[in-house]
């Protein structure tokens, strides 16, 4: 028989701390406008395996954390910006 455990941890504890900065909220919203990195139910998006130099990899990781988005969303935003310029 399972015991009833009392926990002070709530489901949303700490999840929204990264959105305290307005710039990060705007970045997260713009990342959603670019498109989700996940496919719709029953569909998968195209995937590619890429190799990065240590410097570029560290830059992607740091900037994506700073902006509160995944590394994939960050790289997709760079590609979208490049495509829009050309």
C-alpha atoms as a PDB file:
ATOM      1  CA  UNK A   1       0.000   0.000   0.000  1.00  0.00           C
ATOM      2  CA  UNK A   2       1.384   3.404  -0.949  1.00  0.00           C
ATOM      3  CA  UNK A   3       1.879   6.042   1.675  1.00  0.00           C
ATOM      4  CA  UNK A   4       0.543   9.526   1.277  1.00  0.00           C
ATOM      5  CA  UNK A   5       3.522  11.820   1.017  1.00  0.00           C
ATOM      6  CA  UNK A   6       3.285  15.522   1.633  1.00  0.00           C
ATOM      7  CA  UNK A   7       5.504  17.547  -0.664  1.00  0.00           C
ATOM      8  CA  UNK A   8       6.161  21.275  -0.635  1.00  0.00           C
ATOM      9  CA  UNK A   9       7.297  21.134  -4.256  1.00  0.00           C
ATOM     10  CA  UNK A  10       4.789  22.612  -6.683  1.00  0.00           C
ATOM     11  CA  UNK A  11       4.636  21.759 -10.369  1.00  0.00           C
ATOM     12  CA  UNK A  12       5.554  25.250 -11.543  1.00  0.00           C
ATOM     13  CA  UNK A  13       8.241  25.956  -8.972  1.00  0.00           C
ATOM     14  CA  UNK A  14      11.117  27.714 -10.668  1.00  0.00           C
ATOM     15  CA  UNK A  15       9.857  27.151 -14.206  1.00  0.00           C
ATOM     16  CA  UNK A  16       9.065  30.798 -14.868  1.00  0.00           C
ATOM     17  CA  UNK A  17      12.137  32.357 -13.248  1.00  0.00           C
ATOM     18  CA  UNK A  18      13.835  32.734 -16.632  1.00  0.00           C
ATOM     19  CA  UNK A  19      10.994  34.965 -17.849  1.00  0.00           C
ATOM     20  CA  UNK A  20      11.556  37.688 -15.262  1.00  0.00           C
ATOM     21  CA  UNK A  21      13.656  39.629 -17.750  1.00  0.00           C
ATOM     22  CA  UNK A  22      11.494  41.332 -20.409  1.00  0.00           C
ATOM     23  CA  UNK A  23      14.069  40.763 -23.143  1.00  0.00           C
ATOM     24  CA  UNK A  24      14.012  37.033 -22.476  1.00  0.00           C
ATOM     25  CA  UNK A  25      10.206  36.993 -22.690  1.00  0.00           C
ATOM     26  CA  UNK A  26      10.339  38.740 -26.076  1.00  0.00           C
ATOM     27  CA  UNK A  27      12.967  36.288 -27.302  1.00  0.00           C
ATOM     28  CA  UNK A  28      10.921  33.302 -26.155  1.00  0.00           C
ATOM     29  CA  UNK A  29       7.820  34.699 -27.863  1.00  0.00           C
ATOM     30  CA  UNK A  30       9.705  35.362 -31.098  1.00  0.00           C
ATOM     31  CA  UNK A  31      11.075  31.812 -30.965  1.00  0.00           C
ATOM     32  CA  UNK A  32       7.494  30.514 -30.909  1.00  0.00           C
ATOM     33  CA  UNK A  33       6.689  32.642 -33.951  1.00  0.00           C
ATOM     34  CA  UNK A  34       9.566  31.012 -35.855  1.00  0.00           C
ATOM     35  CA  UNK A  35       7.993  27.636 -35.368  1.00  0.00           C
ATOM     36  CA  UNK A  36       8.121  24.795 -32.982  1.00  0.00           C
ATOM     37  CA  UNK A  37      11.031  22.395 -33.042  1.00  0.00           C
ATOM     38  CA  UNK A  38       8.586  19.528 -32.599  1.00  0.00           C
ATOM     39  CA  UNK A  39       6.283  18.170 -35.284  1.00  0.00           C
ATOM     40  CA  UNK A  40       2.530  18.025 -34.999  1.00  0.00           C
ATOM     41  CA  UNK A  41       0.893  14.922 -33.635  1.00  0.00           C
ATOM     42  CA  UNK A  42       1.815  12.003 -35.848  1.00  0.00           C
ATOM     43  CA  UNK A  43       4.348  14.029 -37.847  1.00  0.00           C
ATOM     44  CA  UNK A  44       8.051  14.644 -37.380  1.00  0.00           C
ATOM     45  CA  UNK A  45      10.048  17.611 -38.570  1.00  0.00           C
ATOM     46  CA  UNK A  46      13.145  17.157 -40.695  1.00  0.00           C
ATOM     47  CA  UNK A  47      16.256  16.473 -38.677  1.00  0.00           C
ATOM     48  CA  UNK A  48      19.931  16.861 -39.460  1.00  0.00           C
ATOM     49  CA  UNK A  49      23.059  15.828 -37.588  1.00  0.00           C
ATOM     50  CA  UNK A  50      25.575  18.690 -37.529  1.00  0.00           C
ATOM     51  CA  UNK A  51      29.107  19.041 -36.202  1.00  0.00           C
ATOM     52  CA  UNK A  52      30.290  22.342 -34.678  1.00  0.00           C
ATOM     53  CA  UNK A  53      33.690  23.608 -33.639  1.00  0.00           C
ATOM     54  CA  UNK A  54      34.175  23.871 -29.883  1.00  0.00           C
ATOM     55  CA  UNK A  55      33.924  27.667 -30.049  1.00  0.00           C
ATOM     56  CA  UNK A  56      30.693  27.672 -32.069  1.00  0.00           C
ATOM     57  CA  UNK A  57      29.155  24.946 -29.930  1.00  0.00           C
ATOM     58  CA  UNK A  58      29.885  26.856 -26.729  1.00  0.00           C
ATOM     59  CA  UNK A  59      28.464  30.050 -28.281  1.00  0.00           C
ATOM     60  CA  UNK A  60      25.220  28.273 -29.262  1.00  0.00           C
ATOM     61  CA  UNK A  61      24.812  26.760 -25.806  1.00  0.00           C
ATOM     62  CA  UNK A  62      25.552  30.034 -23.969  1.00  0.00           C
ATOM     63  CA  UNK A  63      23.335  32.203 -26.160  1.00  0.00           C
ATOM     64  CA  UNK A  64      20.426  29.764 -26.119  1.00  0.00           C
ATOM     65  CA  UNK A  65      20.551  29.626 -22.312  1.00  0.00           C
ATOM     66  CA  UNK A  66      20.815  33.410 -22.127  1.00  0.00           C
ATOM     67  CA  UNK A  67      17.750  33.780 -24.367  1.00  0.00           C
ATOM     68  CA  UNK A  68      15.793  31.028 -22.656  1.00  0.00           C
ATOM     69  CA  UNK A  69      15.336  28.878 -25.759  1.00  0.00           C
ATOM     70  CA  UNK A  70      16.677  25.535 -26.886  1.00  0.00           C
ATOM     71  CA  UNK A  71      19.840  25.299 -28.950  1.00  0.00           C
ATOM     72  CA  UNK A  72      17.747  24.102 -31.895  1.00  0.00           C
ATOM     73  CA  UNK A  73      15.411  27.100 -31.658  1.00  0.00           C
ATOM     74  CA  UNK A  74      18.420  29.425 -31.429  1.00  0.00           C
ATOM     75  CA  UNK A  75      20.066  27.956 -34.547  1.00  0.00           C
ATOM     76  CA  UNK A  76      16.707  28.057 -36.386  1.00  0.00           C
ATOM     77  CA  UNK A  77      16.341  31.756 -35.485  1.00  0.00           C
ATOM     78  CA  UNK A  78      19.818  32.487 -36.892  1.00  0.00           C
ATOM     79  CA  UNK A  79      18.922  30.672 -40.120  1.00  0.00           C
ATOM     80  CA  UNK A  80      15.580  32.482 -40.400  1.00  0.00           C
ATOM     81  CA  UNK A  81      17.298  35.865 -39.931  1.00  0.00           C
ATOM     82  CA  UNK A  82      19.878  34.986 -42.567  1.00  0.00           C
ATOM     83  CA  UNK A  83      17.170  33.840 -45.000  1.00  0.00           C
ATOM     84  CA  UNK A  84      15.191  37.067 -44.468  1.00  0.00           C
ATOM     85  CA  UNK A  85      18.255  39.208 -45.195  1.00  0.00           C
ATOM     86  CA  UNK A  86      18.951  37.508 -48.532  1.00  0.00           C
END
